[in-house]
Full PDB file with SEQRES, HELIX, SHEET, SSBOND, CRYST1, ORIGX, SCALE, CONECT and MASTER records, all heavy atoms in Angstrom:
SEQRES   1 A   33  GLU ALA LEU ALA PHE ALA ARG THR GLY ARG MET ARG PHE          
SEQRES   2 A   33  GLU ARG TYR GLU THR SER GLN ILE LYS VAL ARG THR TYR          
SEQRES   3 A   33  GLY ASP THR ALA VAL VAL THR                                  
HELIX    1 AA1 ALA A    2  THR A    8  1                                   7    
SHEET    1 AA1 2 VAL A  23  TYR A  26  0                                        
SHEET    2 AA1 2 THR A  29  VAL A  32 -1                                        
CRYST1    1.000    1.000    1.000  90.00  90.00  90.00 P 1           1          
ORIGX1      1.000000  0.000000  0.000000        0.00000                         
ORIGX2      0.000000  1.000000  0.000000        0.00000                         
ORIGX3      0.000000  0.000000  1.000000        0.00000                         
SCALE1      1.000000  0.000000  0.000000        0.00000                         
SCALE2      0.000000  1.000000  0.000000        0.00000                         
SCALE3      0.000000  0.000000  1.000000        0.00000                         
ATOM      1  N   GLU A   1      -6.610   1.591 -31.157  1.00  0.00           N  
ATOM      2  CA  GLU A   1      -5.657   0.642 -31.740  1.00  0.00           C  
ATOM      3  C   GLU A   1      -5.001  -0.212 -30.661  1.00  0.00           C  
ATOM      4  O   GLU A   1      -4.857  -1.429 -30.826  1.00  0.00           O  
ATOM      5  CB  GLU A   1      -4.581   1.397 -32.528  1.00  0.00           C  
ATOM      6  CG  GLU A   1      -5.115   2.093 -33.766  1.00  0.00           C  
ATOM      7  CD  GLU A   1      -4.144   3.110 -34.342  1.00  0.00           C  
ATOM      8  OE1 GLU A   1      -3.454   3.804 -33.566  1.00  0.00           O  
ATOM      9  OE2 GLU A   1      -4.086   3.198 -35.586  1.00  0.00           O  
ATOM     10  N   ALA A   2      -4.619   0.417 -29.544  1.00  0.00           N  
ATOM     11  CA  ALA A   2      -3.981  -0.323 -28.449  1.00  0.00           C  
ATOM     12  C   ALA A   2      -4.945  -1.329 -27.834  1.00  0.00           C  
ATOM     13  O   ALA A   2      -4.564  -2.469 -27.541  1.00  0.00           O  
ATOM     14  CB  ALA A   2      -3.459   0.648 -27.390  1.00  0.00           C  
ATOM     15  N   LEU A   3      -6.204  -0.921 -27.644  1.00  0.00           N  
ATOM     16  CA  LEU A   3      -7.196  -1.844 -27.083  1.00  0.00           C  
ATOM     17  C   LEU A   3      -7.482  -3.003 -28.033  1.00  0.00           C  
ATOM     18  O   LEU A   3      -7.595  -4.151 -27.601  1.00  0.00           O  
ATOM     19  CB  LEU A   3      -8.500  -1.108 -26.756  1.00  0.00           C  
ATOM     20  CG  LEU A   3      -8.496  -0.297 -25.482  1.00  0.00           C  
ATOM     21  CD1 LEU A   3      -9.794   0.499 -25.352  1.00  0.00           C  
ATOM     22  CD2 LEU A   3      -8.281  -1.175 -24.259  1.00  0.00           C  
ATOM     23  N   ALA A   4      -7.598  -2.694 -29.320  1.00  0.00           N  
ATOM     24  CA  ALA A   4      -7.854  -3.755 -30.303  1.00  0.00           C  
ATOM     25  C   ALA A   4      -6.714  -4.776 -30.271  1.00  0.00           C  
ATOM     26  O   ALA A   4      -6.956  -5.986 -30.282  1.00  0.00           O  
ATOM     27  CB  ALA A   4      -8.007  -3.156 -31.697  1.00  0.00           C  
ATOM     28  N   PHE A   5      -5.469  -4.287 -30.188  1.00  0.00           N  
ATOM     29  CA  PHE A   5      -4.327  -5.197 -30.130  1.00  0.00           C  
ATOM     30  C   PHE A   5      -4.347  -6.008 -28.828  1.00  0.00           C  
ATOM     31  O   PHE A   5      -4.128  -7.218 -28.834  1.00  0.00           O  
ATOM     32  CB  PHE A   5      -3.007  -4.438 -30.269  1.00  0.00           C  
ATOM     33  CG  PHE A   5      -1.817  -5.341 -30.279  1.00  0.00           C  
ATOM     34  CD1 PHE A   5      -1.511  -6.088 -31.406  1.00  0.00           C  
ATOM     35  CD2 PHE A   5      -1.025  -5.486 -29.152  1.00  0.00           C  
ATOM     36  CE1 PHE A   5      -0.418  -6.950 -31.416  1.00  0.00           C  
ATOM     37  CE2 PHE A   5       0.068  -6.337 -29.153  1.00  0.00           C  
ATOM     38  CZ  PHE A   5       0.373  -7.076 -30.289  1.00  0.00           C  
ATOM     39  N   ALA A   6      -4.625  -5.341 -27.714  1.00  0.00           N  
ATOM     40  CA  ALA A   6      -4.660  -6.040 -26.416  1.00  0.00           C  
ATOM     41  C   ALA A   6      -5.696  -7.155 -26.426  1.00  0.00           C  
ATOM     42  O   ALA A   6      -5.482  -8.218 -25.840  1.00  0.00           O  
ATOM     43  CB  ALA A   6      -4.947  -5.050 -25.289  1.00  0.00           C  
ATOM     44  N   ARG A   7      -6.804  -6.908 -27.090  1.00  0.00           N  
ATOM     45  CA  ARG A   7      -7.893  -7.901 -27.117  1.00  0.00           C  
ATOM     46  C   ARG A   7      -7.587  -9.097 -28.007  1.00  0.00           C  
ATOM     47  O   ARG A   7      -8.242 -10.137 -27.892  1.00  0.00           O  
ATOM     48  CB  ARG A   7      -9.185  -7.220 -27.533  1.00  0.00           C  
ATOM     49  CG  ARG A   7      -9.728  -6.329 -26.439  1.00  0.00           C  
ATOM     50  CD  ARG A   7     -11.034  -5.649 -26.809  1.00  0.00           C  
ATOM     51  NE  ARG A   7     -11.552  -4.929 -25.670  1.00  0.00           N  
ATOM     52  CZ  ARG A   7     -11.876  -3.636 -25.686  1.00  0.00           C  
ATOM     53  NH1 ARG A   7     -11.778  -2.923 -26.803  1.00  0.00           N  
ATOM     54  NH2 ARG A   7     -12.323  -3.057 -24.589  1.00  0.00           N  
ATOM     55  N   THR A   8      -6.608  -8.986 -28.905  1.00  0.00           N  
ATOM     56  CA  THR A   8      -6.266 -10.124 -29.767  1.00  0.00           C  
ATOM     57  C   THR A   8      -5.569 -11.241 -29.003  1.00  0.00           C  
ATOM     58  O   THR A   8      -5.624 -12.390 -29.424  1.00  0.00           O  
ATOM     59  CB  THR A   8      -5.332  -9.709 -30.933  1.00  0.00           C  
ATOM     60  OG1 THR A   8      -4.048  -9.343 -30.402  1.00  0.00           O  
ATOM     61  CG2 THR A   8      -5.933  -8.600 -31.775  1.00  0.00           C  
ATOM     62  N   GLY A   9      -4.887 -10.884 -27.910  1.00  0.00           N  
ATOM     63  CA  GLY A   9      -4.140 -11.880 -27.152  1.00  0.00           C  
ATOM     64  C   GLY A   9      -2.860 -12.330 -27.840  1.00  0.00           C  
ATOM     65  O   GLY A   9      -2.231 -13.301 -27.409  1.00  0.00           O  
ATOM     66  N   ARG A  10      -2.449 -11.636 -28.895  1.00  0.00           N  
ATOM     67  CA  ARG A  10      -1.227 -12.021 -29.625  1.00  0.00           C  
ATOM     68  C   ARG A  10       0.031 -11.806 -28.808  1.00  0.00           C  
ATOM     69  O   ARG A  10       1.049 -12.429 -29.073  1.00  0.00           O  
ATOM     70  CB  ARG A  10      -1.128 -11.226 -30.924  1.00  0.00           C  
ATOM     71  CG  ARG A  10      -2.095 -11.706 -31.982  1.00  0.00           C  
ATOM     72  CD  ARG A  10      -1.861 -11.067 -33.335  1.00  0.00           C  
ATOM     73  NE  ARG A  10      -0.450 -10.935 -33.666  1.00  0.00           N  
ATOM     74  CZ  ARG A  10       0.078  -9.821 -34.185  1.00  0.00           C  
ATOM     75  NH1 ARG A  10      -0.655  -8.774 -34.424  1.00  0.00           N  
ATOM     76  NH2 ARG A  10       1.370  -9.785 -34.481  1.00  0.00           N  
ATOM     77  N   MET A  11      -0.025 -10.900 -27.826  1.00  0.00           N  
ATOM     78  CA  MET A  11       1.148 -10.646 -26.988  1.00  0.00           C  
ATOM     79  C   MET A  11       0.803 -11.023 -25.554  1.00  0.00           C  
ATOM     80  O   MET A  11      -0.213 -10.594 -25.019  1.00  0.00           O  
ATOM     81  CB  MET A  11       1.562  -9.170 -27.046  1.00  0.00           C  
ATOM     82  CG  MET A  11       2.857  -8.897 -26.295  1.00  0.00           C  
ATOM     83  SD  MET A  11       3.375  -7.159 -26.310  1.00  0.00           S  
ATOM     84  CE  MET A  11       3.375  -6.746 -28.032  1.00  0.00           C  
ATOM     85  N   ARG A  12       1.656 -11.843 -24.970  1.00  0.00           N  
ATOM     86  CA  ARG A  12       1.472 -12.276 -23.586  1.00  0.00           C  
ATOM     87  C   ARG A  12       2.651 -11.771 -22.773  1.00  0.00           C  
ATOM     88  O   ARG A  12       3.805 -11.894 -23.196  1.00  0.00           O  
ATOM     89  CB  ARG A  12       1.429 -13.806 -23.560  1.00  0.00           C  
ATOM     90  CG  ARG A  12       0.499 -14.395 -22.563  1.00  0.00           C  
ATOM     91  CD  ARG A  12       0.425 -15.920 -22.658  1.00  0.00           C  
ATOM     92  NE  ARG A  12       1.724 -16.563 -22.498  1.00  0.00           N  
ATOM     93  CZ  ARG A  12       2.412 -17.142 -23.485  1.00  0.00           C  
ATOM     94  NH1 ARG A  12       1.915 -17.199 -24.696  1.00  0.00           N  
ATOM     95  NH2 ARG A  12       3.581 -17.698 -23.255  1.00  0.00           N  
ATOM     96  N   PHE A  13       2.389 -11.207 -21.620  1.00  0.00           N  
ATOM     97  CA  PHE A  13       3.455 -10.711 -20.757  1.00  0.00           C  
ATOM     98  C   PHE A  13       3.677 -11.677 -19.601  1.00  0.00           C  
ATOM     99  O   PHE A  13       2.771 -11.923 -18.816  1.00  0.00           O  
ATOM    100  CB  PHE A  13       3.107  -9.329 -20.193  1.00  0.00           C  
ATOM    101  CG  PHE A  13       3.102  -8.249 -21.228  1.00  0.00           C  
ATOM    102  CD1 PHE A  13       1.921  -7.790 -21.766  1.00  0.00           C  
ATOM    103  CD2 PHE A  13       4.294  -7.700 -21.668  1.00  0.00           C  
ATOM    104  CE1 PHE A  13       1.908  -6.800 -22.724  1.00  0.00           C  
ATOM    105  CE2 PHE A  13       4.306  -6.695 -22.632  1.00  0.00           C  
ATOM    106  CZ  PHE A  13       3.103  -6.247 -23.167  1.00  0.00           C  
ATOM    107  N   GLU A  14       4.883 -12.199 -19.512  1.00  0.00           N  
ATOM    108  CA  GLU A  14       5.253 -13.027 -18.376  1.00  0.00           C  
ATOM    109  C   GLU A  14       5.747 -12.133 -17.236  1.00  0.00           C  
ATOM    110  O   GLU A  14       5.625 -12.483 -16.073  1.00  0.00           O  
ATOM    111  CB  GLU A  14       6.355 -14.024 -18.760  1.00  0.00           C  
ATOM    112  CG  GLU A  14       5.901 -15.124 -19.706  1.00  0.00           C  
ATOM    113  CD  GLU A  14       5.818 -14.681 -21.161  1.00  0.00           C  
ATOM    114  OE1 GLU A  14       6.556 -13.754 -21.575  1.00  0.00           O  
ATOM    115  OE2 GLU A  14       4.995 -15.252 -21.887  1.00  0.00           O  
ATOM    116  N   ARG A  15       6.329 -11.013 -17.596  1.00  0.00           N  
ATOM    117  CA  ARG A  15       6.829 -10.060 -16.608  1.00  0.00           C  
ATOM    118  C   ARG A  15       6.461  -8.656 -17.092  1.00  0.00           C  
ATOM    119  O   ARG A  15       6.600  -8.341 -18.268  1.00  0.00           O  
ATOM    120  CB  ARG A  15       8.350 -10.180 -16.500  1.00  0.00           C  
ATOM    121  CG  ARG A  15       8.971  -9.176 -15.542  1.00  0.00           C  
ATOM    122  CD  ARG A  15      10.476  -9.290 -15.549  1.00  0.00           C  
ATOM    123  NE  ARG A  15      11.063  -8.439 -14.520  1.00  0.00           N  
ATOM    124  CZ  ARG A  15      12.325  -8.063 -14.508  1.00  0.00           C  
ATOM    125  NH1 ARG A  15      13.154  -8.468 -15.456  1.00  0.00           N  
ATOM    126  NH2 ARG A  15      12.769  -7.282 -13.554  1.00  0.00           N  
ATOM    127  N   TYR A  16       6.009  -7.834 -16.165  1.00  0.00           N  
ATOM    128  CA  TYR A  16       5.709  -6.430 -16.462  1.00  0.00           C  
ATOM    129  C   TYR A  16       5.861  -5.689 -15.143  1.00  0.00           C  
ATOM    130  O   TYR A  16       4.949  -5.687 -14.316  1.00  0.00           O  
ATOM    131  CB  TYR A  16       4.288  -6.283 -17.016  1.00  0.00           C  
ATOM    132  CG  TYR A  16       4.086  -5.021 -17.815  1.00  0.00           C  
ATOM    133  CD1 TYR A  16       4.021  -5.058 -19.209  1.00  0.00           C  
ATOM    134  CD2 TYR A  16       3.971  -3.785 -17.194  1.00  0.00           C  
ATOM    135  CE1 TYR A  16       3.839  -3.900 -19.951  1.00  0.00           C  
ATOM    136  CE2 TYR A  16       3.789  -2.627 -17.928  1.00  0.00           C  
ATOM    137  CZ  TYR A  16       3.726  -2.686 -19.304  1.00  0.00           C  
ATOM    138  OH  TYR A  16       3.546  -1.545 -20.038  1.00  0.00           O  
ATOM    139  N   GLU A  17       7.042  -5.113 -14.923  1.00  0.00           N  
ATOM    140  CA  GLU A  17       7.361  -4.486 -13.636  1.00  0.00           C  
ATOM    141  C   GLU A  17       7.930  -3.093 -13.841  1.00  0.00           C  
ATOM    142  O   GLU A  17       8.795  -2.894 -14.700  1.00  0.00           O  
ATOM    143  CB  GLU A  17       8.404  -5.324 -12.886  1.00  0.00           C  
ATOM    144  CG  GLU A  17       7.954  -6.717 -12.543  1.00  0.00           C  
ATOM    145  CD  GLU A  17       9.068  -7.574 -11.967  1.00  0.00           C  
ATOM    146  OE1 GLU A  17      10.176  -7.047 -11.709  1.00  0.00           O  
ATOM    147  OE2 GLU A  17       8.837  -8.772 -11.784  1.00  0.00           O  
ATOM    148  N   THR A  18       7.459  -2.169 -13.022  1.00  0.00           N  
ATOM    149  CA  THR A  18       8.008  -0.819 -13.046  1.00  0.00           C  
ATOM    150  C   THR A  18       8.721  -0.544 -11.721  1.00  0.00           C  
ATOM    151  O   THR A  18       8.370  -1.100 -10.682  1.00  0.00           O  
ATOM    152  CB  THR A  18       6.910   0.239 -13.288  1.00  0.00           C  
ATOM    153  OG1 THR A  18       5.850   0.051 -12.359  1.00  0.00           O  
ATOM    154  CG2 THR A  18       6.363   0.136 -14.699  1.00  0.00           C  
ATOM    155  N   SER A  19       9.741   0.300 -11.804  1.00  0.00           N  
ATOM    156  CA  SER A  19      10.524   0.672 -10.626  1.00  0.00           C  
ATOM    157  C   SER A  19      11.063   2.084 -10.838  1.00  0.00           C  
ATOM    158  O   SER A  19      10.838   2.689 -11.887  1.00  0.00           O  
ATOM    159  CB  SER A  19      11.670  -0.324 -10.412  1.00  0.00           C  
ATOM    160  OG  SER A  19      12.541  -0.321 -11.532  1.00  0.00           O  
ATOM    161  N   GLN A  20      11.782   2.578  -9.840  1.00  0.00           N  
ATOM    162  CA  GLN A  20      12.394   3.906  -9.906  1.00  0.00           C  
ATOM    163  C   GLN A  20      11.359   4.985 -10.246  1.00  0.00           C  
ATOM    164  O   GLN A  20      11.627   5.906 -11.013  1.00  0.00           O  
ATOM    165  CB  GLN A  20      13.551   3.921 -10.912  1.00  0.00           C  
ATOM    166  CG  GLN A  20      14.624   2.906 -10.599  1.00  0.00           C  
ATOM    167  CD  GLN A  20      15.667   2.792 -11.690  1.00  0.00           C  
ATOM    168  OE1 GLN A  20      15.702   3.567 -12.623  1.00  0.00           O  
ATOM    169  NE2 GLN A  20      16.531   1.792 -11.557  1.00  0.00           N  
ATOM    170  N   ILE A  21      10.175   4.853  -9.661  1.00  0.00           N  
ATOM    171  CA  ILE A  21       9.058   5.746  -9.971  1.00  0.00           C  
ATOM    172  C   ILE A  21       9.303   7.136  -9.390  1.00  0.00           C  
ATOM    173  O   ILE A  21       9.660   7.289  -8.228  1.00  0.00           O  
ATOM    174  CB  ILE A  21       7.737   5.187  -9.392  1.00  0.00           C  
ATOM    175  CG1 ILE A  21       7.475   3.761  -9.894  1.00  0.00           C  
ATOM    176  CG2 ILE A  21       6.567   6.117  -9.701  1.00  0.00           C  
ATOM    177  CD1 ILE A  21       7.350   3.615 -11.374  1.00  0.00           C  
ATOM    178  N   LYS A  22       9.087   8.140 -10.236  1.00  0.00           N  
ATOM    179  CA  LYS A  22       9.135   9.534  -9.810  1.00  0.00           C  
ATOM    180  C   LYS A  22       7.837  10.187 -10.268  1.00  0.00           C  
ATOM    181  O   LYS A  22       7.433  10.024 -11.427  1.00  0.00           O  
ATOM    182  CB  LYS A  22      10.337  10.245 -10.437  1.00  0.00           C  
ATOM    183  CG  LYS A  22      10.450  11.697 -10.006  1.00  0.00           C  
ATOM    184  CD  LYS A  22      11.689  12.341 -10.608  1.00  0.00           C  
ATOM    185  CE  LYS A  22      11.767  13.799 -10.202  1.00  0.00           C  
ATOM    186  NZ  LYS A  22      12.906  14.467 -10.840  1.00  0.00           N  
ATOM    187  N   VAL A  23       7.177  10.896  -9.354  1.00  0.00           N  
ATOM    188  CA  VAL A  23       5.879  11.516  -9.642  1.00  0.00           C  
ATOM    189  C   VAL A  23       5.988  13.021  -9.460  1.00  0.00           C  
ATOM    190  O   VAL A  23       6.503  13.486  -8.447  1.00  0.00           O  
ATOM    191  CB  VAL A  23       4.787  10.965  -8.701  1.00  0.00           C  
ATOM    192  CG1 VAL A  23       3.454  11.664  -8.952  1.00  0.00           C  
ATOM    193  CG2 VAL A  23       4.652   9.455  -8.840  1.00  0.00           C  
ATOM    194  N   ARG A  24       5.478  13.755 -10.449  1.00  0.00           N  
ATOM    195  CA  ARG A  24       5.364  15.212 -10.338  1.00  0.00           C  
ATOM    196  C   ARG A  24       3.953  15.591 -10.741  1.00  0.00           C  
ATOM    197  O   ARG A  24       3.475  15.143 -11.784  1.00  0.00           O  
ATOM    198  CB  ARG A  24       6.378  15.900 -11.253  1.00  0.00           C  
ATOM    199  CG  ARG A  24       7.811  15.689 -10.751  1.00  0.00           C  
ATOM    200  CD  ARG A  24       8.832  16.013 -11.781  1.00  0.00           C  
ATOM    201  NE  ARG A  24       8.750  14.967 -12.806  1.00  0.00           N  
ATOM    202  CZ  ARG A  24       9.257  15.072 -14.011  1.00  0.00           C  
ATOM    203  NH1 ARG A  24       9.859  16.148 -14.389  1.00  0.00           N  
ATOM    204  NH2 ARG A  24       9.156  14.080 -14.858  1.00  0.00           N  
ATOM    205  N   THR A  25       3.278  16.368  -9.896  1.00  0.00           N  
ATOM    206  CA  THR A  25       1.912  16.786 -10.203  1.00  0.00           C  
ATOM    207  C   THR A  25       1.856  18.286 -10.411  1.00  0.00           C  
ATOM    208  O   THR A  25       2.580  19.050  -9.770  1.00  0.00           O  
ATOM    209  CB  THR A  25       0.926  16.381  -9.094  1.00  0.00           C  
ATOM    210  OG1 THR A  25       1.359  16.941  -7.861  1.00  0.00           O  
ATOM    211  CG2 THR A  25       0.809  14.871  -8.974  1.00  0.00           C  
ATOM    212  N   TYR A  26       0.965  18.671 -11.325  1.00  0.00           N  
ATOM    213  CA  TYR A  26       0.746  20.071 -11.669  1.00  0.00           C  
ATOM    214  C   TYR A  26      -0.761  20.259 -11.844  1.00  0.00           C  
ATOM    215  O   TYR A  26      -1.277  20.165 -12.962  1.00  0.00           O  
ATOM    216  CB  TYR A  26       1.472  20.432 -12.975  1.00  0.00           C  
ATOM    217  CG  TYR A  26       2.930  20.030 -12.978  1.00  0.00           C  
ATOM    218  CD1 TYR A  26       3.335  18.800 -13.505  1.00  0.00           C  
ATOM    219  CD2 TYR A  26       3.907  20.863 -12.442  1.00  0.00           C  
ATOM    220  CE1 TYR A  26       4.677  18.429 -13.495  1.00  0.00           C  
ATOM    221  CE2 TYR A  26       5.248  20.502 -12.431  1.00  0.00           C  
ATOM    222  CZ  TYR A  26       5.618  19.287 -12.964  1.00  0.00           C  
ATOM    223  OH  TYR A  26       6.949  18.918 -12.950  1.00  0.00           O  
ATOM    224  N   GLY A  27      -1.458  20.453 -10.741  1.00  0.00           N  
ATOM    225  CA  GLY A  27      -2.915  20.595 -10.825  1.00  0.00           C  
ATOM    226  C   GLY A  27      -3.560  19.300 -11.277  1.00  0.00           C  
ATOM    227  O   GLY A  27      -3.432  18.267 -10.618  1.00  0.00           O  
ATOM    228  N   ASP A  28      -4.221  19.349 -12.426  1.00  0.00           N  
ATOM    229  CA  ASP A  28      -4.910  18.175 -12.962  1.00  0.00           C  
ATOM    230  C   ASP A  28      -4.054  17.372 -13.933  1.00  0.00           C  
ATOM    231  O   ASP A  28      -4.567  16.579 -14.721  1.00  0.00           O  
ATOM    232  CB  ASP A  28      -6.219  18.594 -13.650  1.00  0.00           C  
ATOM    233  CG  ASP A  28      -7.289  18.978 -12.640  1.00  0.00           C  
ATOM    234  OD1 ASP A  28      -7.194  18.562 -11.470  1.00  0.00           O  
ATOM    235  OD2 ASP A  28      -8.226  19.706 -13.024  1.00  0.00           O  
ATOM    236  N   THR A  29      -2.745  17.585 -13.879  1.00  0.00           N  
ATOM    237  CA  THR A  29      -1.804  16.847 -14.725  1.00  0.00           C  
ATOM    238  C   THR A  29      -0.720  16.251 -13.837  1.00  0.00           C  
ATOM    239  O   THR A  29      -0.281  16.885 -12.884  1.00  0.00           O  
ATOM    240  CB  THR A  29      -1.150  17.783 -15.771  1.00  0.00           C  
ATOM    241  OG1 THR A  29      -2.178  18.386 -16.556  1.00  0.00           O  
ATOM    242  CG2 THR A  29      -0.203  17.020 -16.677  1.00  0.00           C  
ATOM    243  N   ALA A  30      -0.307  15.040 -14.165  1.00  0.00           N  
ATOM    244  CA  ALA A  30       0.795  14.399 -13.442  1.00  0.00           C  
ATOM    245  C   ALA A  30       1.718  13.736 -14.448  1.00  0.00           C  
ATOM    246  O   ALA A  30       1.265  13.201 -15.467  1.00  0.00           O  
ATOM    247  CB  ALA A  30       0.273  13.368 -12.450  1.00  0.00           C  
ATOM    248  N   VAL A  31       3.001  13.794 -14.160  1.00  0.00           N  
ATOM    249  CA  VAL A  31       4.010  13.138 -14.984  1.00  0.00           C  
ATOM    250  C   VAL A  31       4.668  12.073 -14.112  1.00  0.00           C  
ATOM    251  O   VAL A  31       5.179  12.376 -13.032  1.00  0.00           O  
ATOM    252  CB  VAL A  31       5.064  14.143 -15.498  1.00  0.00           C  
ATOM    253  CG1 VAL A  31       6.129  13.425 -16.316  1.00  0.00           C  
ATOM    254  CG2 VAL A  31       4.397  15.249 -16.310  1.00  0.00           C  
ATOM    255  N   VAL A  32       4.617  10.841 -14.578  1.00  0.00           N  
ATOM    256  CA  VAL A  32       5.202   9.721 -13.850  1.00  0.00           C  
ATOM    257  C   VAL A  32       6.293   9.124 -14.733  1.00  0.00           C  
ATOM    258  O   VAL A  32       6.048   8.797 -15.898  1.00  0.00           O  
ATOM    259  CB  VAL A  32       4.140   8.651 -13.510  1.00  0.00           C  
ATOM    260  CG1 VAL A  32       4.771   7.455 -12.828  1.00  0.00           C  
ATOM    261  CG2 VAL A  32       3.033   9.254 -12.652  1.00  0.00           C  
ATOM    262  N   THR A  33       7.494   9.019 -14.177  1.00  0.00           N  
ATOM    263  CA  THR A  33       8.612   8.444 -14.920  1.00  0.00           C  
ATOM    264  C   THR A  33       9.183   7.271 -14.137  1.00  0.00           C  
ATOM    265  O   THR A  33       8.992   7.164 -12.928  1.00  0.00           O  
ATOM    266  CB  THR A  33       9.719   9.490 -15.174  1.00  0.00           C  
ATOM    267  OG1 THR A  33      10.159  10.013 -13.911  1.00  0.00           O  
ATOM    268  CG2 THR A  33       9.232  10.620 -16.049  1.00  0.00           C  
TER     269      THR A  33                                                      
MASTER        0    0    0    1    2    0    0    6  268    1    0    3          
END                                                                             
């Protein structure tokens, strides 16, 4: 569903920025906030 929506081009992002990243890893799993 997300890919189908992305491919429509109905939503355009002028800005998309992440900050304050915190990473925790547990073997083959990671949680990023």
